[in-house]
């Protein structure tokens, strides 16, 4: 699902199947193929059903699977879901592998703003802020900036289009010669 965050940054989110233990052998490969998408992710959002009495065991299985898929070194935000339920056993299990944790109730939309904020903060931390001036005769680069950068500021200057932007490494390299 393509999502535009509050900052205007646009990202693609992929939902993998839930972890189901003791699957029939014929289904294991189908689920594994879906989970392999995690290896292409920049960050993993691990949603844990905290109302499940086997939640700590499920967390271990998730991390074992991440390790098997060679994506155990990717940053993880652990989302403790269903915190609205009265029978949730406290304290919640710690997650030392996560860069952050957040409590939510997807059913009632509580905590989603905090999750979005954590995600945006992490995404921004992976980007660099640049100030660039693109000459007017290189107008084709302007659409590249609009489509691939988070624009903080823009203006028309005597020598070209001015932008203050957050960029990933690829865009930094493409725009290097226009940096001021």
N, C-alpha and C. Protein backbone atom coordinates (compact mmCIF):
# COMPACT_ATOMS: atom_id res chain seq x y z
N UNK A 1 0.85 -1.17 0.00
CA UNK A 1 0.00 0.00 0.00
C UNK A 1 0.89 1.23 0.00
N UNK A 2 0.61 2.15 -0.88
CA UNK A 2 1.34 3.41 -0.93
C UNK A 2 0.71 4.35 0.08
N UNK A 3 1.56 5.02 0.87
CA UNK A 3 1.06 5.89 1.92
C UNK A 3 1.85 7.18 1.91
N UNK A 4 1.16 8.30 2.01
CA UNK A 4 1.80 9.58 2.17
C UNK A 4 1.73 9.94 3.65
N UNK A 5 2.89 10.10 4.25
CA UNK A 5 2.95 10.45 5.67
C UNK A 5 2.69 11.94 5.84
N UNK A 6 2.50 12.36 7.08
CA UNK A 6 2.16 13.76 7.36
C UNK A 6 3.18 14.74 6.79
N UNK A 7 4.43 14.32 6.73
CA UNK A 7 5.49 15.20 6.22
C UNK A 7 5.42 15.36 4.71
N UNK A 8 4.61 14.54 4.05
CA UNK A 8 4.55 14.56 2.60
C UNK A 8 5.38 13.46 1.96
N UNK A 9 6.20 12.78 2.76
CA UNK A 9 7.00 11.68 2.22
C UNK A 9 6.07 10.53 1.84
N UNK A 10 6.38 9.92 0.72
CA UNK A 10 5.55 8.82 0.22
C UNK A 10 6.36 7.53 0.29
N UNK A 11 5.73 6.49 0.85
CA UNK A 11 6.40 5.22 1.01
C UNK A 11 5.48 4.08 0.65
N UNK A 12 6.10 2.94 0.41
CA UNK A 12 5.34 1.74 0.09
C UNK A 12 5.42 0.80 1.29
N UNK A 13 4.26 0.38 1.79
CA UNK A 13 4.17 -0.56 2.90
C UNK A 13 3.70 -1.89 2.36
N UNK A 14 4.35 -2.96 2.81
CA UNK A 14 3.97 -4.30 2.41
C UNK A 14 3.60 -5.08 3.66
N UNK A 15 2.45 -5.70 3.64
CA UNK A 15 1.99 -6.49 4.76
C UNK A 15 2.27 -7.95 4.46
N UNK A 16 3.03 -8.59 5.33
CA UNK A 16 3.25 -10.02 5.16
C UNK A 16 2.19 -10.75 5.98
N UNK A 17 2.07 -12.02 5.76
CA UNK A 17 1.09 -12.81 6.49
C UNK A 17 1.48 -12.88 7.95
N UNK A 18 0.51 -13.12 8.79
CA UNK A 18 0.78 -13.33 10.19
C UNK A 18 1.54 -14.63 10.38
N UNK A 19 2.21 -14.75 11.49
CA UNK A 19 2.95 -15.97 11.77
C UNK A 19 2.01 -16.98 12.38
N UNK A 20 1.90 -18.10 11.71
CA UNK A 20 1.02 -19.17 12.18
C UNK A 20 1.92 -20.37 12.43
N UNK A 21 1.95 -20.82 13.67
CA UNK A 21 2.79 -21.96 13.98
C UNK A 21 2.10 -23.26 13.62
N UNK A 22 2.94 -24.27 13.37
CA UNK A 22 2.46 -25.61 13.07
C UNK A 22 1.56 -25.64 11.83
N UNK A 23 2.03 -24.98 10.78
CA UNK A 23 1.30 -24.99 9.51
C UNK A 23 1.42 -26.35 8.85
N UNK A 24 0.44 -26.74 8.04
CA UNK A 24 0.61 -27.94 7.23
C UNK A 24 1.81 -27.73 6.31
N UNK A 25 2.57 -28.77 6.11
CA UNK A 25 3.82 -28.69 5.36
C UNK A 25 3.65 -28.04 3.99
N UNK A 26 2.56 -28.31 3.30
CA UNK A 26 2.32 -27.75 1.97
C UNK A 26 2.19 -26.24 1.95
N UNK A 27 1.81 -25.63 3.06
CA UNK A 27 1.62 -24.18 3.10
C UNK A 27 2.88 -23.42 3.53
N UNK A 28 3.80 -24.11 4.14
CA UNK A 28 4.98 -23.42 4.68
C UNK A 28 5.71 -22.64 3.60
N UNK A 29 5.97 -23.25 2.45
CA UNK A 29 6.70 -22.56 1.39
C UNK A 29 5.95 -21.35 0.86
N UNK A 30 4.64 -21.45 0.76
CA UNK A 30 3.84 -20.31 0.28
C UNK A 30 3.96 -19.13 1.25
N UNK A 31 3.89 -19.41 2.55
CA UNK A 31 4.03 -18.34 3.53
C UNK A 31 5.45 -17.79 3.54
N UNK A 32 6.43 -18.65 3.39
CA UNK A 32 7.83 -18.21 3.40
C UNK A 32 8.08 -17.26 2.23
N UNK A 33 7.52 -17.55 1.07
CA UNK A 33 7.70 -16.68 -0.10
C UNK A 33 7.14 -15.29 0.19
N UNK A 34 6.02 -15.23 0.87
CA UNK A 34 5.44 -13.93 1.22
C UNK A 34 6.33 -13.21 2.22
N UNK A 35 6.85 -13.94 3.19
CA UNK A 35 7.69 -13.32 4.21
C UNK A 35 9.02 -12.84 3.66
N UNK A 36 9.48 -13.43 2.57
CA UNK A 36 10.76 -13.03 2.00
C UNK A 36 10.76 -11.58 1.53
N UNK A 37 9.59 -10.99 1.36
CA UNK A 37 9.52 -9.57 1.02
C UNK A 37 10.18 -8.72 2.09
N UNK A 38 10.23 -9.23 3.32
CA UNK A 38 10.86 -8.49 4.42
C UNK A 38 12.32 -8.20 4.13
N UNK A 39 12.98 -9.04 3.34
CA UNK A 39 14.40 -8.82 3.06
C UNK A 39 14.62 -7.57 2.20
N UNK A 40 13.58 -7.07 1.54
CA UNK A 40 13.70 -5.86 0.72
C UNK A 40 13.33 -4.59 1.48
N UNK A 41 12.87 -4.73 2.69
CA UNK A 41 12.39 -3.58 3.46
C UNK A 41 13.55 -2.77 4.03
N UNK A 42 13.31 -1.49 4.23
CA UNK A 42 14.28 -0.63 4.90
C UNK A 42 14.10 -0.71 6.41
N UNK A 43 12.88 -0.92 6.83
CA UNK A 43 12.55 -1.04 8.26
C UNK A 43 11.40 -2.03 8.37
N UNK A 44 11.38 -2.77 9.47
CA UNK A 44 10.33 -3.76 9.71
C UNK A 44 9.45 -3.26 10.84
N UNK A 45 8.15 -3.35 10.65
CA UNK A 45 7.20 -3.02 11.70
C UNK A 45 6.59 -4.33 12.16
N UNK A 46 6.93 -4.71 13.37
CA UNK A 46 6.50 -5.99 13.92
C UNK A 46 5.29 -5.74 14.83
N UNK A 47 4.14 -6.23 14.41
CA UNK A 47 2.91 -6.03 15.19
C UNK A 47 2.69 -7.26 16.05
N UNK A 48 2.63 -7.04 17.36
CA UNK A 48 2.48 -8.12 18.33
C UNK A 48 1.12 -8.00 19.01
N UNK A 49 0.34 -9.06 18.98
CA UNK A 49 -0.95 -9.11 19.66
C UNK A 49 -0.68 -9.35 21.14
N UNK A 50 -0.75 -8.28 21.94
CA UNK A 50 -0.40 -8.40 23.35
C UNK A 50 -1.47 -9.10 24.19
N UNK A 51 -2.63 -9.33 23.59
CA UNK A 51 -3.67 -10.05 24.33
C UNK A 51 -3.49 -11.56 24.25
N UNK A 52 -2.57 -12.01 23.40
CA UNK A 52 -2.32 -13.43 23.24
C UNK A 52 -1.41 -13.91 24.38
N UNK A 53 -1.83 -14.93 25.12
CA UNK A 53 -1.00 -15.40 26.23
C UNK A 53 0.36 -15.97 25.77
N UNK A 54 0.49 -16.30 24.49
CA UNK A 54 1.74 -16.85 23.95
C UNK A 54 2.55 -15.78 23.22
N UNK A 55 2.33 -14.52 23.56
CA UNK A 55 2.94 -13.41 22.84
C UNK A 55 4.47 -13.43 22.85
N UNK A 56 5.09 -13.82 23.96
CA UNK A 56 6.55 -13.84 24.01
C UNK A 56 7.10 -14.95 23.11
N UNK A 57 6.44 -16.07 23.09
CA UNK A 57 6.83 -17.17 22.20
C UNK A 57 6.68 -16.73 20.74
N UNK A 58 5.58 -16.03 20.44
CA UNK A 58 5.38 -15.54 19.08
C UNK A 58 6.48 -14.55 18.68
N UNK A 59 6.88 -13.70 19.61
CA UNK A 59 7.93 -12.73 19.33
C UNK A 59 9.23 -13.46 18.98
N UNK A 60 9.55 -14.51 19.71
CA UNK A 60 10.76 -15.29 19.43
C UNK A 60 10.70 -15.93 18.04
N UNK A 61 9.55 -16.46 17.69
CA UNK A 61 9.38 -17.09 16.37
C UNK A 61 9.57 -16.06 15.27
N UNK A 62 9.03 -14.87 15.46
CA UNK A 62 9.18 -13.81 14.46
C UNK A 62 10.66 -13.50 14.25
N UNK A 63 11.40 -13.30 15.33
CA UNK A 63 12.82 -12.97 15.20
C UNK A 63 13.64 -14.13 14.65
N UNK A 64 13.30 -15.35 14.99
CA UNK A 64 13.98 -16.51 14.40
C UNK A 64 13.76 -16.51 12.88
N UNK A 65 12.53 -16.22 12.48
CA UNK A 65 12.22 -16.19 11.05
C UNK A 65 12.96 -15.05 10.36
N UNK A 66 13.01 -13.87 10.98
CA UNK A 66 13.78 -12.76 10.41
C UNK A 66 15.23 -13.17 10.21
N UNK A 67 15.80 -13.86 11.21
CA UNK A 67 17.19 -14.30 11.10
C UNK A 67 17.36 -15.30 9.96
N UNK A 68 16.43 -16.24 9.83
CA UNK A 68 16.49 -17.23 8.75
C UNK A 68 16.38 -16.56 7.38
N UNK A 69 15.61 -15.49 7.30
CA UNK A 69 15.42 -14.77 6.04
C UNK A 69 16.54 -13.76 5.77
N UNK A 70 17.53 -13.74 6.65
CA UNK A 70 18.69 -12.84 6.53
C UNK A 70 18.29 -11.37 6.61
N UNK A 71 17.27 -11.08 7.40
CA UNK A 71 16.89 -9.67 7.60
C UNK A 71 16.83 -9.34 9.09
N UNK A 72 17.49 -10.17 9.90
CA UNK A 72 17.51 -9.95 11.34
C UNK A 72 18.28 -8.72 11.77
N UNK A 73 19.08 -8.15 10.86
CA UNK A 73 19.85 -6.95 11.19
C UNK A 73 19.12 -5.66 10.81
N UNK A 74 17.94 -5.79 10.24
CA UNK A 74 17.17 -4.61 9.84
C UNK A 74 16.55 -3.95 11.08
N UNK A 75 16.39 -2.64 11.05
CA UNK A 75 15.75 -1.98 12.18
C UNK A 75 14.28 -2.40 12.29
N UNK A 76 13.82 -2.52 13.54
CA UNK A 76 12.45 -2.97 13.81
C UNK A 76 11.78 -1.99 14.76
N UNK A 77 10.54 -1.64 14.45
CA UNK A 77 9.68 -0.95 15.40
C UNK A 77 8.65 -2.00 15.82
N UNK A 78 8.59 -2.28 17.12
CA UNK A 78 7.61 -3.24 17.61
C UNK A 78 6.36 -2.50 18.05
N UNK A 79 5.23 -2.96 17.51
CA UNK A 79 3.94 -2.35 17.79
C UNK A 79 3.16 -3.32 18.68
N UNK A 80 2.89 -2.89 19.89
CA UNK A 80 2.08 -3.68 20.80
C UNK A 80 0.62 -3.36 20.52
N UNK A 81 -0.07 -4.26 19.83
CA UNK A 81 -1.46 -4.03 19.44
C UNK A 81 -2.42 -4.68 20.44
N UNK A 82 -3.64 -4.19 20.43
CA UNK A 82 -4.74 -4.64 21.28
C UNK A 82 -4.54 -4.26 22.74
N UNK A 83 -3.89 -3.13 22.95
CA UNK A 83 -3.66 -2.65 24.32
C UNK A 83 -4.95 -2.15 24.96
N UNK A 84 -6.03 -2.07 24.18
CA UNK A 84 -7.32 -1.64 24.69
C UNK A 84 -8.03 -2.76 25.45
N UNK A 85 -7.59 -3.99 25.27
CA UNK A 85 -8.27 -5.11 25.92
C UNK A 85 -7.98 -5.13 27.42
N UNK A 86 -8.99 -5.49 28.18
CA UNK A 86 -8.87 -5.48 29.64
C UNK A 86 -8.02 -6.63 30.17
N UNK A 87 -7.94 -7.73 29.43
CA UNK A 87 -7.24 -8.90 29.93
C UNK A 87 -5.76 -8.94 29.52
N UNK A 88 -5.19 -7.82 29.10
CA UNK A 88 -3.79 -7.77 28.71
C UNK A 88 -2.93 -7.87 29.96
N UNK A 89 -2.06 -8.86 29.95
CA UNK A 89 -1.17 -9.09 31.09
C UNK A 89 -0.01 -8.10 31.04
N UNK A 90 0.20 -7.39 32.13
CA UNK A 90 1.29 -6.43 32.22
C UNK A 90 2.37 -6.99 33.14
N UNK A 91 3.60 -6.61 32.99
CA UNK A 91 4.11 -5.67 32.00
C UNK A 91 4.22 -6.33 30.62
N UNK A 92 4.27 -5.49 29.61
CA UNK A 92 4.44 -5.99 28.25
C UNK A 92 5.87 -6.51 28.10
N UNK A 93 6.07 -7.51 27.26
CA UNK A 93 7.41 -8.05 27.12
C UNK A 93 8.35 -7.02 26.48
N UNK A 94 9.55 -6.90 27.03
CA UNK A 94 10.50 -5.97 26.41
C UNK A 94 10.96 -6.52 25.07
N UNK A 95 11.38 -5.63 24.19
CA UNK A 95 11.91 -6.06 22.91
C UNK A 95 13.26 -5.37 22.70
N UNK A 96 14.33 -6.01 23.18
CA UNK A 96 15.64 -5.37 23.07
C UNK A 96 16.16 -5.24 21.64
N UNK A 97 15.57 -5.95 20.69
CA UNK A 97 16.02 -5.85 19.30
C UNK A 97 15.36 -4.68 18.57
N UNK A 98 14.31 -4.14 19.14
CA UNK A 98 13.59 -3.05 18.48
C UNK A 98 14.27 -1.71 18.72
N UNK A 99 14.24 -0.85 17.71
CA UNK A 99 14.77 0.51 17.88
C UNK A 99 13.77 1.37 18.64
N UNK A 100 12.50 0.93 18.64
CA UNK A 100 11.44 1.64 19.36
C UNK A 100 10.25 0.70 19.51
N UNK A 101 9.44 0.98 20.52
CA UNK A 101 8.18 0.26 20.70
C UNK A 101 7.07 1.28 20.87
N UNK A 102 5.86 0.87 20.51
CA UNK A 102 4.71 1.76 20.65
C UNK A 102 3.49 0.91 20.96
N UNK A 103 2.63 1.42 21.82
CA UNK A 103 1.38 0.75 22.16
C UNK A 103 0.26 1.34 21.34
N UNK A 104 -0.54 0.45 20.73
CA UNK A 104 -1.66 0.94 19.94
C UNK A 104 -2.90 0.09 20.18
N UNK A 105 -4.00 0.61 19.71
CA UNK A 105 -5.22 -0.16 19.55
C UNK A 105 -5.68 0.11 18.12
N UNK A 106 -5.37 -0.82 17.23
CA UNK A 106 -5.75 -0.64 15.83
C UNK A 106 -7.26 -0.52 15.70
N UNK A 107 -7.97 -1.25 16.55
CA UNK A 107 -9.43 -1.24 16.50
C UNK A 107 -10.00 0.16 16.74
N UNK A 108 -9.40 0.89 17.66
CA UNK A 108 -9.90 2.22 18.01
C UNK A 108 -9.01 3.36 17.48
N UNK A 109 -7.95 3.00 16.79
CA UNK A 109 -7.07 4.02 16.22
C UNK A 109 -6.17 4.72 17.21
N UNK A 110 -6.09 4.22 18.42
CA UNK A 110 -5.25 4.85 19.45
C UNK A 110 -3.79 4.47 19.24
N UNK A 111 -2.93 5.47 19.33
CA UNK A 111 -1.49 5.24 19.21
C UNK A 111 -0.97 5.24 17.79
N UNK A 112 -1.85 5.29 16.81
CA UNK A 112 -1.42 5.28 15.41
C UNK A 112 -0.60 6.53 15.10
N UNK A 113 -0.99 7.67 15.68
CA UNK A 113 -0.24 8.90 15.47
C UNK A 113 1.18 8.79 16.01
N UNK A 114 1.35 8.12 17.15
CA UNK A 114 2.67 7.92 17.73
C UNK A 114 3.50 6.99 16.83
N UNK A 115 2.88 5.94 16.29
CA UNK A 115 3.58 5.03 15.38
C UNK A 115 4.04 5.79 14.13
N UNK A 116 3.15 6.60 13.57
CA UNK A 116 3.49 7.39 12.39
C UNK A 116 4.65 8.34 12.69
N UNK A 117 4.62 8.96 13.86
CA UNK A 117 5.68 9.88 14.27
C UNK A 117 7.02 9.14 14.39
N UNK A 118 7.01 7.97 15.03
CA UNK A 118 8.23 7.17 15.16
C UNK A 118 8.79 6.80 13.78
N UNK A 119 7.89 6.39 12.90
CA UNK A 119 8.31 5.99 11.56
C UNK A 119 8.89 7.17 10.79
N UNK A 120 8.22 8.30 10.84
CA UNK A 120 8.72 9.49 10.14
C UNK A 120 10.06 9.92 10.70
N UNK A 121 10.22 9.89 12.03
CA UNK A 121 11.49 10.28 12.63
C UNK A 121 12.62 9.36 12.16
N UNK A 122 12.33 8.05 12.11
CA UNK A 122 13.36 7.12 11.65
C UNK A 122 13.68 7.37 10.18
N UNK A 123 12.65 7.53 9.37
CA UNK A 123 12.87 7.76 7.94
C UNK A 123 13.69 9.02 7.70
N UNK A 124 13.39 10.08 8.44
CA UNK A 124 14.15 11.32 8.29
C UNK A 124 15.59 11.13 8.73
N UNK A 125 15.80 10.31 9.77
CA UNK A 125 17.17 10.09 10.24
C UNK A 125 18.02 9.38 9.20
N UNK A 126 17.39 8.74 8.24
CA UNK A 126 18.10 8.03 7.18
C UNK A 126 18.38 8.93 5.98
N UNK A 127 17.92 10.16 6.06
CA UNK A 127 18.08 11.08 4.94
C UNK A 127 18.97 12.25 5.33
N UNK A 128 19.43 12.93 4.31
CA UNK A 128 20.31 14.07 4.50
C UNK A 128 19.59 15.32 4.01
N UNK A 129 19.82 16.42 4.68
CA UNK A 129 19.23 17.69 4.26
C UNK A 129 20.22 18.40 3.34
N UNK A 130 19.72 18.78 2.16
CA UNK A 130 20.53 19.49 1.17
C UNK A 130 19.86 20.79 0.77
N UNK A 131 20.69 21.75 0.38
CA UNK A 131 20.20 22.95 -0.29
C UNK A 131 20.78 22.90 -1.69
N UNK A 132 19.91 23.03 -2.67
CA UNK A 132 20.34 22.92 -4.07
C UNK A 132 19.75 24.07 -4.88
N UNK A 133 20.42 24.37 -5.96
CA UNK A 133 19.89 25.29 -6.97
C UNK A 133 20.00 24.57 -8.31
N UNK A 134 18.86 24.37 -8.95
CA UNK A 134 18.82 23.72 -10.26
C UNK A 134 18.66 24.81 -11.30
N UNK A 135 19.61 24.89 -12.24
CA UNK A 135 19.51 25.92 -13.28
C UNK A 135 18.19 25.80 -14.04
N UNK A 136 17.69 26.92 -14.51
CA UNK A 136 16.41 26.94 -15.21
C UNK A 136 16.41 26.06 -16.46
N UNK A 137 17.57 25.88 -17.08
CA UNK A 137 17.62 25.03 -18.28
C UNK A 137 17.65 23.53 -17.94
N UNK A 138 17.65 23.19 -16.67
CA UNK A 138 17.62 21.78 -16.22
C UNK A 138 16.28 21.49 -15.54
N UNK A 139 15.22 22.05 -16.09
CA UNK A 139 13.88 21.92 -15.51
C UNK A 139 13.41 20.49 -15.31
N UNK A 140 13.94 19.56 -16.10
CA UNK A 140 13.54 18.15 -15.94
C UNK A 140 13.92 17.61 -14.56
N UNK A 141 14.94 18.18 -13.93
CA UNK A 141 15.34 17.75 -12.60
C UNK A 141 14.36 18.20 -11.52
N UNK A 142 13.60 19.24 -11.82
CA UNK A 142 12.63 19.74 -10.84
C UNK A 142 11.57 18.68 -10.55
N UNK A 143 11.09 18.00 -11.59
CA UNK A 143 10.10 16.94 -11.36
C UNK A 143 10.73 15.77 -10.61
N UNK A 144 12.01 15.53 -10.82
CA UNK A 144 12.72 14.49 -10.08
C UNK A 144 12.75 14.85 -8.59
N UNK A 145 13.03 16.10 -8.29
CA UNK A 145 13.05 16.57 -6.90
C UNK A 145 11.66 16.42 -6.28
N UNK A 146 10.64 16.86 -7.01
CA UNK A 146 9.27 16.78 -6.48
C UNK A 146 8.83 15.34 -6.24
N UNK A 147 9.27 14.42 -7.07
CA UNK A 147 8.84 13.04 -6.94
C UNK A 147 9.64 12.20 -5.98
N UNK A 148 10.85 12.66 -5.61
CA UNK A 148 11.74 11.79 -4.84
C UNK A 148 12.34 12.42 -3.59
N UNK A 149 12.00 13.63 -3.30
CA UNK A 149 12.57 14.32 -2.14
C UNK A 149 11.46 14.90 -1.28
N UNK A 150 11.78 15.08 -0.01
CA UNK A 150 10.86 15.81 0.87
C UNK A 150 11.29 17.28 0.81
N UNK A 151 10.44 18.10 0.26
CA UNK A 151 10.78 19.52 0.07
C UNK A 151 10.42 20.29 1.33
N UNK A 152 11.42 20.94 1.89
CA UNK A 152 11.24 21.76 3.09
C UNK A 152 10.95 23.21 2.68
N UNK A 153 11.64 23.64 1.64
CA UNK A 153 11.55 25.02 1.19
C UNK A 153 11.84 25.07 -0.30
N UNK A 154 11.19 25.98 -1.01
CA UNK A 154 11.50 26.17 -2.43
C UNK A 154 11.31 27.63 -2.79
N UNK A 155 12.03 28.05 -3.83
CA UNK A 155 11.97 29.45 -4.23
C UNK A 155 12.55 29.57 -5.64
N UNK A 156 12.21 30.67 -6.30
CA UNK A 156 12.83 30.98 -7.60
C UNK A 156 13.93 31.99 -7.32
N UNK A 157 15.11 31.67 -7.77
CA UNK A 157 16.25 32.56 -7.59
C UNK A 157 16.74 33.01 -8.97
N UNK A 158 17.62 33.95 -8.95
CA UNK A 158 18.15 34.51 -10.19
C UNK A 158 18.80 33.44 -11.07
N UNK A 159 19.48 32.50 -10.42
CA UNK A 159 20.24 31.49 -11.17
C UNK A 159 19.54 30.14 -11.27
N UNK A 160 18.31 30.02 -10.76
CA UNK A 160 17.61 28.75 -10.87
C UNK A 160 16.60 28.49 -9.77
N UNK A 161 16.10 27.25 -9.75
CA UNK A 161 15.13 26.82 -8.74
C UNK A 161 15.88 26.43 -7.48
N UNK A 162 15.54 27.07 -6.37
CA UNK A 162 16.17 26.75 -5.08
C UNK A 162 15.28 25.77 -4.33
N UNK A 163 15.91 24.75 -3.73
CA UNK A 163 15.21 23.79 -2.87
C UNK A 163 16.05 23.48 -1.65
N UNK A 164 15.35 23.36 -0.54
CA UNK A 164 15.93 22.77 0.66
C UNK A 164 15.16 21.46 0.82
N UNK A 165 15.87 20.33 0.78
CA UNK A 165 15.21 19.03 0.69
C UNK A 165 15.89 18.00 1.58
N UNK A 166 15.09 16.98 1.98
CA UNK A 166 15.63 15.76 2.57
C UNK A 166 15.75 14.76 1.43
N UNK A 167 16.92 14.13 1.33
CA UNK A 167 17.18 13.19 0.24
C UNK A 167 17.76 11.89 0.77
N UNK A 168 17.52 10.82 0.03
CA UNK A 168 18.21 9.56 0.32
C UNK A 168 19.56 9.60 -0.39
N UNK A 169 20.35 8.56 -0.21
CA UNK A 169 21.70 8.53 -0.77
C UNK A 169 21.70 8.62 -2.29
N UNK A 170 20.77 7.92 -2.93
CA UNK A 170 20.70 7.96 -4.39
C UNK A 170 20.44 9.37 -4.90
N UNK A 171 19.46 10.05 -4.29
CA UNK A 171 19.14 11.41 -4.74
C UNK A 171 20.27 12.38 -4.40
N UNK A 172 20.93 12.15 -3.29
CA UNK A 172 22.08 12.99 -2.94
C UNK A 172 23.13 12.91 -4.05
N UNK A 173 23.41 11.71 -4.52
CA UNK A 173 24.39 11.53 -5.59
C UNK A 173 23.93 12.18 -6.89
N UNK A 174 22.64 12.06 -7.21
CA UNK A 174 22.12 12.63 -8.46
C UNK A 174 22.11 14.16 -8.44
N UNK A 175 21.98 14.74 -7.25
CA UNK A 175 21.85 16.19 -7.15
C UNK A 175 23.13 16.86 -6.65
N UNK A 176 24.18 16.08 -6.45
CA UNK A 176 25.44 16.57 -5.86
C UNK A 176 25.96 17.83 -6.53
N UNK A 177 25.94 17.86 -7.85
CA UNK A 177 26.55 19.01 -8.56
C UNK A 177 25.74 20.30 -8.40
N UNK A 178 24.52 20.21 -7.87
CA UNK A 178 23.67 21.39 -7.70
C UNK A 178 23.62 21.86 -6.24
N UNK A 179 24.38 21.19 -5.37
CA UNK A 179 24.40 21.55 -3.96
C UNK A 179 25.09 22.88 -3.75
N UNK A 180 24.50 23.70 -2.86
CA UNK A 180 25.13 24.98 -2.54
C UNK A 180 25.62 24.97 -1.11
